[in-house]
Each structure stands twice: as structure tokens, then as C-alpha cells.
Protein backbone atom coordinates (compact mmCIF):
# COMPACT_ATOMS: atom_id res chain seq x y z
CA MET A 1 0.00 0.00 0.00
CA ASN A 2 1.26 3.48 -0.88
CA ARG A 3 1.89 5.27 2.43
CA GLY A 4 1.57 8.72 0.85
CA LYS A 5 -2.00 8.31 -0.32
CA ARG A 6 -5.02 6.76 1.35
CA PRO A 7 -6.62 3.97 -0.68
CA LYS A 8 -10.03 4.47 -2.23
CA ILE A 9 -12.90 2.73 -0.45
CA LYS A 10 -16.10 1.49 -2.08
CA LEU A 11 -19.17 0.73 0.04
CA THR A 12 -21.74 -1.70 -1.36
CA ILE A 13 -25.00 -2.85 0.21
CA THR A 14 -24.96 -6.63 -0.03
CA ASP A 15 -27.99 -7.76 1.99
CA ARG A 16 -30.93 -6.69 4.13
CA ILE A 17 -31.76 -8.62 7.28
CA GLY A 18 -34.43 -6.41 8.84
CA LYS A 19 -38.14 -6.43 8.07
CA MET A 20 -38.50 -2.84 6.84
CA GLY A 21 -37.09 -0.99 3.88
CA CYS A 22 -34.39 1.59 4.45
CA HIS A 23 -35.69 4.96 5.61
CA ARG A 24 -33.19 6.67 3.26
CA GLY A 25 -34.21 4.53 0.30
CA HIS A 26 -31.00 2.46 0.14
CA LYS A 27 -31.35 -1.02 -1.32
CA VAL A 28 -29.27 -4.11 -1.93
CA GLY A 29 -26.86 -3.46 -4.80
CA ASP A 30 -26.37 0.27 -4.12
CA SER A 31 -22.71 1.24 -4.18
CA PHE A 32 -20.91 4.41 -3.07
CA ASP A 33 -17.43 5.88 -3.36
CA TYR A 34 -16.58 6.77 0.24
CA ASP A 35 -14.61 9.91 -0.62
CA THR A 36 -16.98 11.48 -3.15
CA GLU A 37 -20.43 10.08 -2.29
CA ARG A 38 -20.47 9.58 1.47
CA GLY A 39 -22.92 12.46 1.88
CA GLN A 40 -25.51 10.28 0.11
CA ILE A 41 -25.23 7.51 2.70
CA CYS A 42 -27.52 7.36 5.73
CA PRO A 43 -25.81 8.94 8.78
CA MET A 44 -26.61 5.85 10.89
CA ALA A 45 -24.79 3.64 8.39
CA MET A 46 -21.87 6.07 8.18
CA HIS A 47 -21.53 6.03 11.95
CA CYS A 48 -21.09 2.26 11.77
CA ALA A 49 -18.88 2.37 8.66
CA PHE A 50 -16.24 4.80 9.88
CA PRO A 51 -14.25 2.46 12.17
CA TYR A 52 -14.09 -0.20 9.46
CA ILE A 53 -12.98 2.29 6.84
CA ASP A 54 -10.25 3.50 9.20
CA ILE A 55 -9.08 -0.08 9.76
CA LEU A 56 -8.86 -0.71 6.00
CA ARG A 57 -7.23 2.62 5.17
CA TYR A 58 -4.47 2.23 7.72
CA GLY A 59 -3.49 -1.33 6.84
CA GLY A 60 -5.56 -3.31 9.32
CA LYS A 61 -7.32 -6.58 8.69
CA LEU A 62 -10.49 -7.91 10.28
CA PRO A 63 -10.51 -11.49 11.60
CA GLY A 64 -12.29 -13.89 9.27
CA GLN A 65 -12.54 -11.41 6.41
CA PRO A 66 -10.46 -11.19 3.25
CA GLU A 67 -7.65 -8.67 3.04
CA GLY A 68 -8.97 -5.23 2.05
CA VAL A 69 -12.59 -6.05 2.91
CA ALA A 70 -14.81 -5.31 5.91
CA GLU A 71 -18.46 -6.29 6.22
CA PHE A 72 -20.71 -4.59 8.75
CA CYS A 73 -24.37 -3.73 9.37
CA CYS A 74 -26.12 -0.42 9.83
CA SER A 75 -27.47 0.22 13.30
CA ASP A 76 -31.16 0.53 12.40
CA ALA A 77 -32.74 -2.58 13.96
CA ASP A 78 -35.80 -2.35 11.69
CA VAL A 79 -33.75 -2.32 8.50
CA VAL A 80 -30.32 -3.92 9.17
CA LEU A 81 -28.57 -3.36 5.86
CA VAL A 82 -25.33 -5.28 5.36
CA PHE A 83 -22.50 -3.25 3.85
CA LYS A 84 -19.22 -4.35 2.34
CA ALA A 85 -16.36 -1.86 2.48
CA GLU A 86 -13.49 -2.69 0.18
CA ILE A 87 -10.26 -1.12 -0.96
CA VAL A 88 -10.37 -0.22 -4.65
CA GLU A 89 -7.04 -0.68 -6.37
CA GLU A 90 -6.21 2.21 -8.68
């Protein structure tokens, strides 16, 4: 990883576990560039995403997950969207 530049991160919604649809209108298959489109992502999901993005950007790895990938859920118990954050190689 290039230490002078932070890697790009893509967030993709991969599943929905909760019973309700997303209050922001997000759906499975939606994808966002973290640096340029994060303002479009629900603030509850972003609150959950930030620690995982930090781990990926600074060279960390999550147990049981592939290198450069972090899966997590939003915190809305009615919706529970599953997100995949992944490093995008340039």
C-alpha cells in the first residue's frame, strides 16, 4: 500500500436482514465511493462504517474477512442493511 495516499474505499450494500425498507431509500446493490459520495449515505450507516474504513485505510485486517474487505451492518434494527467496504485498487 502506498503510504503517501489513502486507498479508495467502495461501500456496497450486499444484503438486508431487517423487516422494513431503508428509511433513506437504500437497497441491496447500491454502491458508493466513500470519498466522493459519502454524503448520500444514511448517517446511521456512516456512523457504523467509519471504524471499518479507518481499519482498512491504515493497513488493518479484520478477523475472518479477506484482506482489504470489511463487512458490517447499519445500526437501524428495523432495516439492518449489510455493507461491504473494500479497498479499490487504482
